[in-house]
Amino acid sequence: QVLRQAQELGYAEADPTNDVEGYDAQFKLAILASLAFG
């Protein structure tokens, strides 16, 4: 129910896989952790 609301509001894509399955955060963590720990 909340996913549908997020899609209607533009917070989630029609295909939300990249966000809800953690891929987006995985990409970002690869960058952030590299910088934080050198």
Full PDB file with SEQRES, HELIX, SHEET, SSBOND, CRYST1, ORIGX, SCALE, CONECT and MASTER records, all heavy atoms in Angstrom:
SEQRES   1 A   38  GLN VAL LEU ARG GLN ALA GLN GLU LEU GLY TYR ALA GLU          
SEQRES   2 A   38  ALA ASP PRO THR ASN ASP VAL GLU GLY TYR ASP ALA GLN          
SEQRES   3 A   38  PHE LYS LEU ALA ILE LEU ALA SER LEU ALA PHE GLY              
HELIX    1 AA1 VAL A    2  LEU A    9  1                                   8    
HELIX    2 AA2 THR A   17  VAL A   20  1                                   4    
HELIX    3 AA3 TYR A   23  PHE A   37  1                                  15    
CRYST1    1.000    1.000    1.000  90.00  90.00  90.00 P 1           1          
ORIGX1      1.000000  0.000000  0.000000        0.00000                         
ORIGX2      0.000000  1.000000  0.000000        0.00000                         
ORIGX3      0.000000  0.000000  1.000000        0.00000                         
SCALE1      1.000000  0.000000  0.000000        0.00000                         
SCALE2      0.000000  1.000000  0.000000        0.00000                         
SCALE3      0.000000  0.000000  1.000000        0.00000                         
ATOM      1  N   GLN A   1       0.824  -1.211   0.000  1.00  0.00           N  
ATOM      2  CA  GLN A   1       0.000   0.000   0.000  1.00  0.00           C  
ATOM      3  C   GLN A   1       0.859   1.261   0.000  1.00  0.00           C  
ATOM      4  O   GLN A   1       0.600   2.208  -0.758  1.00  0.00           O  
ATOM      5  CB  GLN A   1      -0.934  -0.004   1.215  1.00  0.00           C  
ATOM      6  CG  GLN A   1      -1.896   1.180   1.265  1.00  0.00           C  
ATOM      7  CD  GLN A   1      -2.815   1.129   2.478  1.00  0.00           C  
ATOM      8  OE1 GLN A   1      -2.778   0.184   3.259  1.00  0.00           O  
ATOM      9  NE2 GLN A   1      -3.639   2.159   2.646  1.00  0.00           N  
ATOM     10  N   VAL A   2       1.887   1.265   0.832  1.00  0.00           N  
ATOM     11  CA  VAL A   2       2.746   2.449   0.910  1.00  0.00           C  
ATOM     12  C   VAL A   2       3.564   2.604  -0.365  1.00  0.00           C  
ATOM     13  O   VAL A   2       3.793   3.728  -0.832  1.00  0.00           O  
ATOM     14  CB  VAL A   2       3.672   2.376   2.138  1.00  0.00           C  
ATOM     15  CG1 VAL A   2       4.589   3.596   2.190  1.00  0.00           C  
ATOM     16  CG2 VAL A   2       2.864   2.297   3.415  1.00  0.00           C  
ATOM     17  N   LEU A   3       4.013   1.503  -0.950  1.00  0.00           N  
ATOM     18  CA  LEU A   3       4.756   1.589  -2.215  1.00  0.00           C  
ATOM     19  C   LEU A   3       3.912   2.259  -3.292  1.00  0.00           C  
ATOM     20  O   LEU A   3       4.403   3.123  -4.024  1.00  0.00           O  
ATOM     21  CB  LEU A   3       5.196   0.207  -2.664  1.00  0.00           C  
ATOM     22  CG  LEU A   3       5.865   0.139  -4.048  1.00  0.00           C  
ATOM     23  CD1 LEU A   3       7.116   1.010  -4.096  1.00  0.00           C  
ATOM     24  CD2 LEU A   3       6.201  -1.311  -4.409  1.00  0.00           C  
ATOM     25  N   ARG A   4       2.640   1.889  -3.377  1.00  0.00           N  
ATOM     26  CA  ARG A   4       1.758   2.525  -4.370  1.00  0.00           C  
ATOM     27  C   ARG A   4       1.647   4.027  -4.108  1.00  0.00           C  
ATOM     28  O   ARG A   4       1.670   4.838  -5.052  1.00  0.00           O  
ATOM     29  CB  ARG A   4       0.381   1.868  -4.343  1.00  0.00           C  
ATOM     30  CG  ARG A   4       0.347   0.475  -4.969  1.00  0.00           C  
ATOM     31  CD  ARG A   4      -1.080   0.016  -5.198  1.00  0.00           C  
ATOM     32  NE  ARG A   4      -1.804  -0.160  -3.949  1.00  0.00           N  
ATOM     33  CZ  ARG A   4      -1.836  -1.285  -3.248  1.00  0.00           C  
ATOM     34  NH1 ARG A   4      -1.151  -2.342  -3.672  1.00  0.00           N  
ATOM     35  NH2 ARG A   4      -2.536  -1.367  -2.132  1.00  0.00           N  
ATOM     36  N   GLN A   5       1.518   4.414  -2.855  1.00  0.00           N  
ATOM     37  CA  GLN A   5       1.451   5.837  -2.523  1.00  0.00           C  
ATOM     38  C   GLN A   5       2.737   6.549  -2.927  1.00  0.00           C  
ATOM     39  O   GLN A   5       2.695   7.661  -3.470  1.00  0.00           O  
ATOM     40  CB  GLN A   5       1.217   6.012  -1.021  1.00  0.00           C  
ATOM     41  CG  GLN A   5      -0.146   5.590  -0.528  1.00  0.00           C  
ATOM     42  CD  GLN A   5      -0.320   5.819   0.964  1.00  0.00           C  
ATOM     43  OE1 GLN A   5       0.569   6.355   1.628  1.00  0.00           O  
ATOM     44  NE2 GLN A   5      -1.463   5.426   1.505  1.00  0.00           N  
ATOM     45  N   ALA A   6       3.882   5.902  -2.665  1.00  0.00           N  
ATOM     46  CA  ALA A   6       5.173   6.503  -3.015  1.00  0.00           C  
ATOM     47  C   ALA A   6       5.291   6.690  -4.528  1.00  0.00           C  
ATOM     48  O   ALA A   6       5.836   7.700  -4.998  1.00  0.00           O  
ATOM     49  CB  ALA A   6       6.310   5.620  -2.503  1.00  0.00           C  
ATOM     50  N   GLN A   7       4.780   5.742  -5.285  1.00  0.00           N  
ATOM     51  CA  GLN A   7       4.811   5.867  -6.745  1.00  0.00           C  
ATOM     52  C   GLN A   7       3.903   6.995  -7.216  1.00  0.00           C  
ATOM     53  O   GLN A   7       4.267   7.752  -8.120  1.00  0.00           O  
ATOM     54  CB  GLN A   7       4.419   4.528  -7.381  1.00  0.00           C  
ATOM     55  CG  GLN A   7       5.469   3.441  -7.202  1.00  0.00           C  
ATOM     56  CD  GLN A   7       4.986   2.065  -7.609  1.00  0.00           C  
ATOM     57  OE1 GLN A   7       3.832   1.712  -7.380  1.00  0.00           O  
ATOM     58  NE2 GLN A   7       5.863   1.285  -8.211  1.00  0.00           N  
ATOM     59  N   GLU A   8       2.734   7.124  -6.606  1.00  0.00           N  
ATOM     60  CA  GLU A   8       1.809   8.192  -6.982  1.00  0.00           C  
ATOM     61  C   GLU A   8       2.389   9.570  -6.685  1.00  0.00           C  
ATOM     62  O   GLU A   8       2.149  10.532  -7.424  1.00  0.00           O  
ATOM     63  CB  GLU A   8       0.483   8.011  -6.233  1.00  0.00           C  
ATOM     64  CG  GLU A   8      -0.312   6.799  -6.689  1.00  0.00           C  
ATOM     65  CD  GLU A   8      -1.474   6.470  -5.764  1.00  0.00           C  
ATOM     66  OE1 GLU A   8      -1.652   7.209  -4.759  1.00  0.00           O  
ATOM     67  OE2 GLU A   8      -2.191   5.496  -6.030  1.00  0.00           O  
ATOM     68  N   LEU A   9       3.182   9.664  -5.612  1.00  0.00           N  
ATOM     69  CA  LEU A   9       3.774  10.951  -5.212  1.00  0.00           C  
ATOM     70  C   LEU A   9       5.097  11.235  -5.921  1.00  0.00           C  
ATOM     71  O   LEU A   9       5.674  12.311  -5.748  1.00  0.00           O  
ATOM     72  CB  LEU A   9       4.000  10.974  -3.695  1.00  0.00           C  
ATOM     73  CG  LEU A   9       2.735  10.996  -2.834  1.00  0.00           C  
ATOM     74  CD1 LEU A   9       3.079  10.756  -1.370  1.00  0.00           C  
ATOM     75  CD2 LEU A   9       2.009  12.325  -3.006  1.00  0.00           C  
ATOM     76  N   GLY A  10       5.592  10.265  -6.686  1.00  0.00           N  
ATOM     77  CA  GLY A  10       6.851  10.461  -7.389  1.00  0.00           C  
ATOM     78  C   GLY A  10       8.080  10.130  -6.566  1.00  0.00           C  
ATOM     79  O   GLY A  10       9.210  10.360  -7.011  1.00  0.00           O  
ATOM     80  N   TYR A  11       7.905   9.559  -5.376  1.00  0.00           N  
ATOM     81  CA  TYR A  11       9.046   9.158  -4.555  1.00  0.00           C  
ATOM     82  C   TYR A  11       9.627   7.817  -5.012  1.00  0.00           C  
ATOM     83  O   TYR A  11      10.774   7.501  -4.700  1.00  0.00           O  
ATOM     84  CB  TYR A  11       8.651   9.050  -3.077  1.00  0.00           C  
ATOM     85  CG  TYR A  11       8.341  10.364  -2.412  1.00  0.00           C  
ATOM     86  CD1 TYR A  11       7.266  10.488  -1.535  1.00  0.00           C  
ATOM     87  CD2 TYR A  11       9.127  11.489  -2.639  1.00  0.00           C  
ATOM     88  CE1 TYR A  11       6.980  11.697  -0.907  1.00  0.00           C  
ATOM     89  CE2 TYR A  11       8.853  12.695  -2.021  1.00  0.00           C  
ATOM     90  CZ  TYR A  11       7.780  12.797  -1.165  1.00  0.00           C  
ATOM     91  OH  TYR A  11       7.506  13.999  -0.545  1.00  0.00           O  
ATOM     92  N   ALA A  12       8.820   7.021  -5.696  1.00  0.00           N  
ATOM     93  CA  ALA A  12       9.268   5.714  -6.184  1.00  0.00           C  
ATOM     94  C   ALA A  12       9.005   5.608  -7.680  1.00  0.00           C  
ATOM     95  O   ALA A  12       8.006   6.136  -8.188  1.00  0.00           O  
ATOM     96  CB  ALA A  12       8.552   4.588  -5.447  1.00  0.00           C  
ATOM     97  N   GLU A  13       9.905   4.947  -8.384  1.00  0.00           N  
ATOM     98  CA  GLU A  13       9.757   4.741  -9.822  1.00  0.00           C  
ATOM     99  C   GLU A  13       8.673   3.699 -10.102  1.00  0.00           C  
ATOM    100  O   GLU A  13       8.274   2.928  -9.213  1.00  0.00           O  
ATOM    101  CB  GLU A  13      11.081   4.255 -10.419  1.00  0.00           C  
ATOM    102  CG  GLU A  13      12.256   5.193 -10.199  1.00  0.00           C  
ATOM    103  CD  GLU A  13      12.165   6.455 -11.035  1.00  0.00           C  
ATOM    104  OE1 GLU A  13      11.368   6.487 -11.997  1.00  0.00           O  
ATOM    105  OE2 GLU A  13      12.880   7.423 -10.718  1.00  0.00           O  
ATOM    106  N   ALA A  14       8.226   3.662 -11.356  1.00  0.00           N  
ATOM    107  CA  ALA A  14       7.266   2.631 -11.758  1.00  0.00           C  
ATOM    108  C   ALA A  14       7.843   1.246 -11.494  1.00  0.00           C  
ATOM    109  O   ALA A  14       7.143   0.334 -11.045  1.00  0.00           O  
ATOM    110  CB  ALA A  14       6.901   2.804 -13.226  1.00  0.00           C  
ATOM    111  N   ASP A  15       9.130   1.071 -11.796  1.00  0.00           N  
ATOM    112  CA  ASP A  15       9.859  -0.132 -11.397  1.00  0.00           C  
ATOM    113  C   ASP A  15      10.758   0.271 -10.235  1.00  0.00           C  
ATOM    114  O   ASP A  15      11.818   0.861 -10.439  1.00  0.00           O  
ATOM    115  CB  ASP A  15      10.693  -0.681 -12.549  1.00  0.00           C  
ATOM    116  CG  ASP A  15      11.491  -1.922 -12.153  1.00  0.00           C  
ATOM    117  OD1 ASP A  15      11.393  -2.350 -10.981  1.00  0.00           O  
ATOM    118  OD2 ASP A  15      12.225  -2.461 -13.004  1.00  0.00           O  
ATOM    119  N   PRO A  16      10.363  -0.050  -9.001  1.00  0.00           N  
ATOM    120  CA  PRO A  16      11.087   0.456  -7.831  1.00  0.00           C  
ATOM    121  C   PRO A  16      12.266  -0.409  -7.401  1.00  0.00           C  
ATOM    122  O   PRO A  16      12.866  -0.141  -6.357  1.00  0.00           O  
ATOM    123  CB  PRO A  16      10.005   0.441  -6.752  1.00  0.00           C  
ATOM    124  CG  PRO A  16       9.176  -0.762  -7.100  1.00  0.00           C  
ATOM    125  CD  PRO A  16       9.167  -0.825  -8.620  1.00  0.00           C  
ATOM    126  N   THR A  17      12.606  -1.423  -8.194  1.00  0.00           N  
ATOM    127  CA  THR A  17      13.602  -2.415  -7.766  1.00  0.00           C  
ATOM    128  C   THR A  17      14.905  -1.787  -7.297  1.00  0.00           C  
ATOM    129  O   THR A  17      15.465  -2.177  -6.265  1.00  0.00           O  
ATOM    130  CB  THR A  17      13.889  -3.401  -8.919  1.00  0.00           C  
ATOM    131  OG1 THR A  17      12.667  -4.022  -9.310  1.00  0.00           O  
ATOM    132  CG2 THR A  17      14.889  -4.475  -8.484  1.00  0.00           C  
ATOM    133  N   ASN A  18      15.407  -0.825  -8.048  1.00  0.00           N  
ATOM    134  CA  ASN A  18      16.700  -0.228  -7.725  1.00  0.00           C  
ATOM    135  C   ASN A  18      16.730   0.336  -6.303  1.00  0.00           C  
ATOM    136  O   ASN A  18      17.738   0.242  -5.601  1.00  0.00           O  
ATOM    137  CB  ASN A  18      17.030   0.874  -8.731  1.00  0.00           C  
ATOM    138  CG  ASN A  18      18.519   1.110  -8.880  1.00  0.00           C  
ATOM    139  OD1 ASN A  18      19.293   0.169  -8.996  1.00  0.00           O  
ATOM    140  ND2 ASN A  18      18.923   2.363  -8.882  1.00  0.00           N  
ATOM    141  N   ASP A  19      15.612   0.901  -5.891  1.00  0.00           N  
ATOM    142  CA  ASP A  19      15.528   1.491  -4.555  1.00  0.00           C  
ATOM    143  C   ASP A  19      15.180   0.445  -3.495  1.00  0.00           C  
ATOM    144  O   ASP A  19      15.912   0.272  -2.525  1.00  0.00           O  
ATOM    145  CB  ASP A  19      14.472   2.603  -4.533  1.00  0.00           C  
ATOM    146  CG  ASP A  19      14.882   3.807  -5.357  1.00  0.00           C  
ATOM    147  OD1 ASP A  19      16.049   4.232  -5.243  1.00  0.00           O  
ATOM    148  OD2 ASP A  19      14.046   4.328  -6.114  1.00  0.00           O  
ATOM    149  N   VAL A  20      14.054  -0.249  -3.688  1.00  0.00           N  
ATOM    150  CA  VAL A  20      13.530  -1.093  -2.606  1.00  0.00           C  
ATOM    151  C   VAL A  20      14.367  -2.341  -2.369  1.00  0.00           C  
ATOM    152  O   VAL A  20      14.329  -2.919  -1.274  1.00  0.00           O  
ATOM    153  CB  VAL A  20      12.052  -1.467  -2.846  1.00  0.00           C  
ATOM    154  CG1 VAL A  20      11.198  -0.215  -2.944  1.00  0.00           C  
ATOM    155  CG2 VAL A  20      11.880  -2.353  -4.078  1.00  0.00           C  
ATOM    156  N   GLU A  21      15.136  -2.771  -3.353  1.00  0.00           N  
ATOM    157  CA  GLU A  21      15.997  -3.935  -3.148  1.00  0.00           C  
ATOM    158  C   GLU A  21      17.428  -3.553  -2.757  1.00  0.00           C  
ATOM    159  O   GLU A  21      18.312  -4.398  -2.691  1.00  0.00           O  
ATOM    160  CB  GLU A  21      16.005  -4.828  -4.389  1.00  0.00           C  
ATOM    161  CG  GLU A  21      14.645  -5.425  -4.722  1.00  0.00           C  
ATOM    162  CD  GLU A  21      14.035  -6.256  -3.585  1.00  0.00           C  
ATOM    163  OE1 GLU A  21      14.782  -6.684  -2.672  1.00  0.00           O  
ATOM    164  OE2 GLU A  21      12.805  -6.470  -3.609  1.00  0.00           O  
ATOM    165  N   GLY A  22      17.661  -2.256  -2.532  1.00  0.00           N  
ATOM    166  CA  GLY A  22      18.920  -1.820  -1.945  1.00  0.00           C  
ATOM    167  C   GLY A  22      20.056  -1.539  -2.912  1.00  0.00           C  
ATOM    168  O   GLY A  22      21.168  -1.226  -2.477  1.00  0.00           O  
ATOM    169  N   TYR A  23      19.824  -1.623  -4.226  1.00  0.00           N  
ATOM    170  CA  TYR A  23      20.914  -1.390  -5.175  1.00  0.00           C  
ATOM    171  C   TYR A  23      21.406   0.055  -5.121  1.00  0.00           C  
ATOM    172  O   TYR A  23      22.618   0.312  -5.149  1.00  0.00           O  
ATOM    173  CB  TYR A  23      20.462  -1.729  -6.606  1.00  0.00           C  
ATOM    174  CG  TYR A  23      20.217  -3.192  -6.843  1.00  0.00           C  
ATOM    175  CD1 TYR A  23      18.931  -3.713  -6.816  1.00  0.00           C  
ATOM    176  CD2 TYR A  23      21.279  -4.065  -7.079  1.00  0.00           C  
ATOM    177  CE1 TYR A  23      18.698  -5.069  -7.028  1.00  0.00           C  
ATOM    178  CE2 TYR A  23      21.059  -5.422  -7.296  1.00  0.00           C  
ATOM    179  CZ  TYR A  23      19.764  -5.913  -7.269  1.00  0.00           C  
ATOM    180  OH  TYR A  23      19.537  -7.261  -7.463  1.00  0.00           O  
ATOM    181  N   ASP A  24      20.478   1.000  -5.064  1.00  0.00           N  
ATOM    182  CA  ASP A  24      20.851   2.413  -5.006  1.00  0.00           C  
ATOM    183  C   ASP A  24      21.741   2.684  -3.798  1.00  0.00           C  
ATOM    184  O   ASP A  24      22.791   3.328  -3.915  1.00  0.00           O  
ATOM    185  CB  ASP A  24      19.576   3.269  -4.949  1.00  0.00           C  
ATOM    186  CG  ASP A  24      19.862   4.749  -4.812  1.00  0.00           C  
ATOM    187  OD1 ASP A  24      20.186   5.389  -5.826  1.00  0.00           O  
ATOM    188  OD2 ASP A  24      19.769   5.275  -3.678  1.00  0.00           O  
ATOM    189  N   ALA A  25      21.350   2.187  -2.636  1.00  0.00           N  
ATOM    190  CA  ALA A  25      22.155   2.387  -1.429  1.00  0.00           C  
ATOM    191  C   ALA A  25      23.488   1.657  -1.538  1.00  0.00           C  
ATOM    192  O   ALA A  25      24.503   2.126  -1.017  1.00  0.00           O  
ATOM    193  CB  ALA A  25      21.380   1.900  -0.204  1.00  0.00           C  
ATOM    194  N   GLN A  26      23.505   0.527  -2.210  1.00  0.00           N  
ATOM    195  CA  GLN A  26      24.748  -0.233  -2.401  1.00  0.00           C  
ATOM    196  C   GLN A  26      25.750   0.579  -3.220  1.00  0.00           C  
ATOM    197  O   GLN A  26      26.942   0.650  -2.870  1.00  0.00           O  
ATOM    198  CB  GLN A  26      24.423  -1.549  -3.094  1.00  0.00           C  
ATOM    199  CG  GLN A  26      25.596  -2.517  -3.230  1.00  0.00           C  
ATOM    200  CD  GLN A  26      25.199  -3.758  -4.017  1.00  0.00           C  
ATOM    201  OE1 GLN A  26      24.373  -3.702  -4.928  1.00  0.00           O  
ATOM    202  NE2 GLN A  26      25.788  -4.889  -3.663  1.00  0.00           N  
ATOM    203  N   PHE A  27      25.293   1.207  -4.304  1.00  0.00           N  
ATOM    204  CA  PHE A  27      26.178   2.058  -5.112  1.00  0.00           C  
ATOM    205  C   PHE A  27      26.751   3.194  -4.257  1.00  0.00           C  
ATOM    206  O   PHE A  27      27.957   3.487  -4.301  1.00  0.00           O  
ATOM    207  CB  PHE A  27      25.422   2.669  -6.296  1.00  0.00           C  
ATOM    208  CG  PHE A  27      24.842   1.676  -7.262  1.00  0.00           C  
ATOM    209  CD1 PHE A  27      23.657   1.957  -7.939  1.00  0.00           C  
ATOM    210  CD2 PHE A  27      25.468   0.468  -7.518  1.00  0.00           C  
ATOM    211  CE1 PHE A  27      23.109   1.063  -8.836  1.00  0.00           C  
ATOM    212  CE2 PHE A  27      24.935  -0.441  -8.416  1.00  0.00           C  
ATOM    213  CZ  PHE A  27      23.745  -0.142  -9.078  1.00  0.00           C  
ATOM    214  N   LYS A  28      25.873   3.840  -3.496  1.00  0.00           N  
ATOM    215  CA  LYS A  28      26.301   4.987  -2.691  1.00  0.00           C  
ATOM    216  C   LYS A  28      27.273   4.581  -1.594  1.00  0.00           C  
ATOM    217  O   LYS A  28      28.242   5.289  -1.318  1.00  0.00           O  
ATOM    218  CB  LYS A  28      25.071   5.672  -2.090  1.00  0.00           C  
ATOM    219  CG  LYS A  28      24.165   6.324  -3.133  1.00  0.00           C  
ATOM    220  CD  LYS A  28      22.868   6.805  -2.513  1.00  0.00           C  
ATOM    221  CE  LYS A  28      21.958   7.454  -3.538  1.00  0.00           C  
ATOM    222  NZ  LYS A  28      20.636   7.836  -2.978  1.00  0.00           N  
ATOM    223  N   LEU A  29      27.021   3.426  -0.964  1.00  0.00           N  
ATOM    224  CA  LEU A  29      27.911   2.972   0.096  1.00  0.00           C  
ATOM    225  C   LEU A  29      29.294   2.637  -0.450  1.00  0.00           C  
ATOM    226  O   LEU A  29      30.303   2.858   0.229  1.00  0.00           O  
ATOM    227  CB  LEU A  29      27.321   1.755   0.811  1.00  0.00           C  
ATOM    228  CG  LEU A  29      28.159   1.191   1.973  1.00  0.00           C  
ATOM    229  CD1 LEU A  29      28.396   2.248   3.049  1.00  0.00           C  
ATOM    230  CD2 LEU A  29      27.501  -0.041   2.571  1.00  0.00           C  
ATOM    231  N   ALA A  30      29.362   2.110  -1.672  1.00  0.00           N  
ATOM    232  CA  ALA A  30      30.666   1.812  -2.267  1.00  0.00           C  
ATOM    233  C   ALA A  30      31.517   3.078  -2.353  1.00  0.00           C  
ATOM    234  O   ALA A  30      32.732   3.053  -2.106  1.00  0.00           O  
ATOM    235  CB  ALA A  30      30.482   1.197  -3.656  1.00  0.00           C  
ATOM    236  N   ILE A  31      30.890   4.202  -2.679  1.00  0.00           N  
ATOM    237  CA  ILE A  31      31.599   5.483  -2.755  1.00  0.00           C  
ATOM    238  C   ILE A  31      31.927   6.003  -1.360  1.00  0.00           C  
ATOM    239  O   ILE A  31      33.071   6.358  -1.053  1.00  0.00           O  
ATOM    240  CB  ILE A  31      30.747   6.517  -3.521  1.00  0.00           C  
ATOM    241  CG1 ILE A  31      30.497   6.061  -4.961  1.00  0.00           C  
ATOM    242  CG2 ILE A  31      31.430   7.883  -3.512  1.00  0.00           C  
ATOM    243  CD1 ILE A  31      29.455   6.890  -5.697  1.00  0.00           C  
ATOM    244  N   LEU A  32      30.924   6.038  -0.504  1.00  0.00           N  
ATOM    245  CA  LEU A  32      31.093   6.639   0.820  1.00  0.00           C  
ATOM    246  C   LEU A  32      32.092   5.861   1.669  1.00  0.00           C  
ATOM    247  O   LEU A  32      32.957   6.455   2.330  1.00  0.00           O  
ATOM    248  CB  LEU A  32      29.737   6.710   1.518  1.00  0.00           C  
ATOM    249  CG  LEU A  32      29.696   7.398   2.877  1.00  0.00           C  
ATOM    250  CD1 LEU A  32      30.241   8.813   2.788  1.00  0.00           C  
ATOM    251  CD2 LEU A  32      28.263   7.409   3.419  1.00  0.00           C  
ATOM    252  N   ALA A  33      32.014   4.536   1.653  1.00  0.00           N  
ATOM    253  CA  ALA A  33      32.936   3.732   2.457  1.00  0.00           C  
ATOM    254  C   ALA A  33      34.363   3.850   1.934  1.00  0.00           C  
ATOM    255  O   ALA A  33      35.319   3.879   2.715  1.00  0.00           O  
ATOM    256  CB  ALA A  33      32.486   2.276   2.469  1.00  0.00           C  
ATOM    257  N   SER A  34      34.534   3.921   0.625  1.00  0.00           N  
ATOM    258  CA  SER A  34      35.877   4.093   0.064  1.00  0.00           C  
ATOM    259  C   SER A  34      36.512   5.376   0.577  1.00  0.00           C  
ATOM    260  O   SER A  34      37.686   5.402   0.963  1.00  0.00           O  
ATOM    261  CB  SER A  34      35.808   4.121  -1.468  1.00  0.00           C  
ATOM    262  OG  SER A  34      35.364   2.885  -2.007  1.00  0.00           O  
ATOM    263  N   LEU A  35      35.741   6.443   0.596  1.00  0.00           N  
ATOM    264  CA  LEU A  35      36.259   7.728   1.053  1.00  0.00           C  
ATOM    265  C   LEU A  35      36.483   7.741   2.568  1.00  0.00           C  
ATOM    266  O   LEU A  35      37.479   8.282   3.056  1.00  0.00           O  
ATOM    267  CB  LEU A  35      35.281   8.844   0.675  1.00  0.00           C  
ATOM    268  CG  LEU A  35      35.106   9.098  -0.824  1.00  0.00           C  
ATOM    269  CD1 LEU A  35      33.911  10.004  -1.069  1.00  0.00           C  
ATOM    270  CD2 LEU A  35      36.361   9.701  -1.432  1.00  0.00           C  
ATOM    271  N   ALA A  36      35.562   7.137   3.309  1.00  0.00           N  
ATOM    272  CA  ALA A  36      35.657   7.170   4.767  1.00  0.00           C  
ATOM    273  C   ALA A  36      36.836   6.361   5.281  1.00  0.00           C  
ATOM    274  O   ALA A  36      37.488   6.759   6.256  1.00  0.00           O  
ATOM    275  CB  ALA A  36      34.359   6.636   5.379  1.00  0.00           C  
ATOM    276  N   PHE A  37      37.148   5.234   4.614  1.00  0.00           N  
ATOM    277  CA  PHE A  37      38.184   4.335   5.118  1.00  0.00           C  
ATOM    278  C   PHE A  37      39.443   4.323   4.258  1.00  0.00           C  
ATOM    279  O   PHE A  37      40.410   3.626   4.573  1.00  0.00           O  
ATOM    280  CB  PHE A  37      37.616   2.925   5.265  1.00  0.00           C  
ATOM    281  CG  PHE A  37      36.417   2.865   6.171  1.00  0.00           C  
ATOM    282  CD1 PHE A  37      35.142   2.703   5.653  1.00  0.00           C  
ATOM    283  CD2 PHE A  37      36.553   3.017   7.541  1.00  0.00           C  
ATOM    284  CE1 PHE A  37      34.031   2.672   6.483  1.00  0.00           C  
ATOM    285  CE2 PHE A  37      35.454   2.989   8.385  1.00  0.00           C  
ATOM    286  CZ  PHE A  37      34.184   2.816   7.852  1.00  0.00           C  
ATOM    287  N   GLY A  38      39.449   5.118   3.177  1.00  0.00           N  
ATOM    288  CA  GLY A  38      40.649   5.253   2.356  1.00  0.00           C  
ATOM    289  C   GLY A  38      41.049   3.991   1.624  1.00  0.00           C  
ATOM    290  O   GLY A  38      42.216   3.807   1.275  1.00  0.00           O  
TER     291      GLY A  38                                                      
MASTER        0    0    0    3    0    0    0    6  290    1    0    3          
END                                                                             
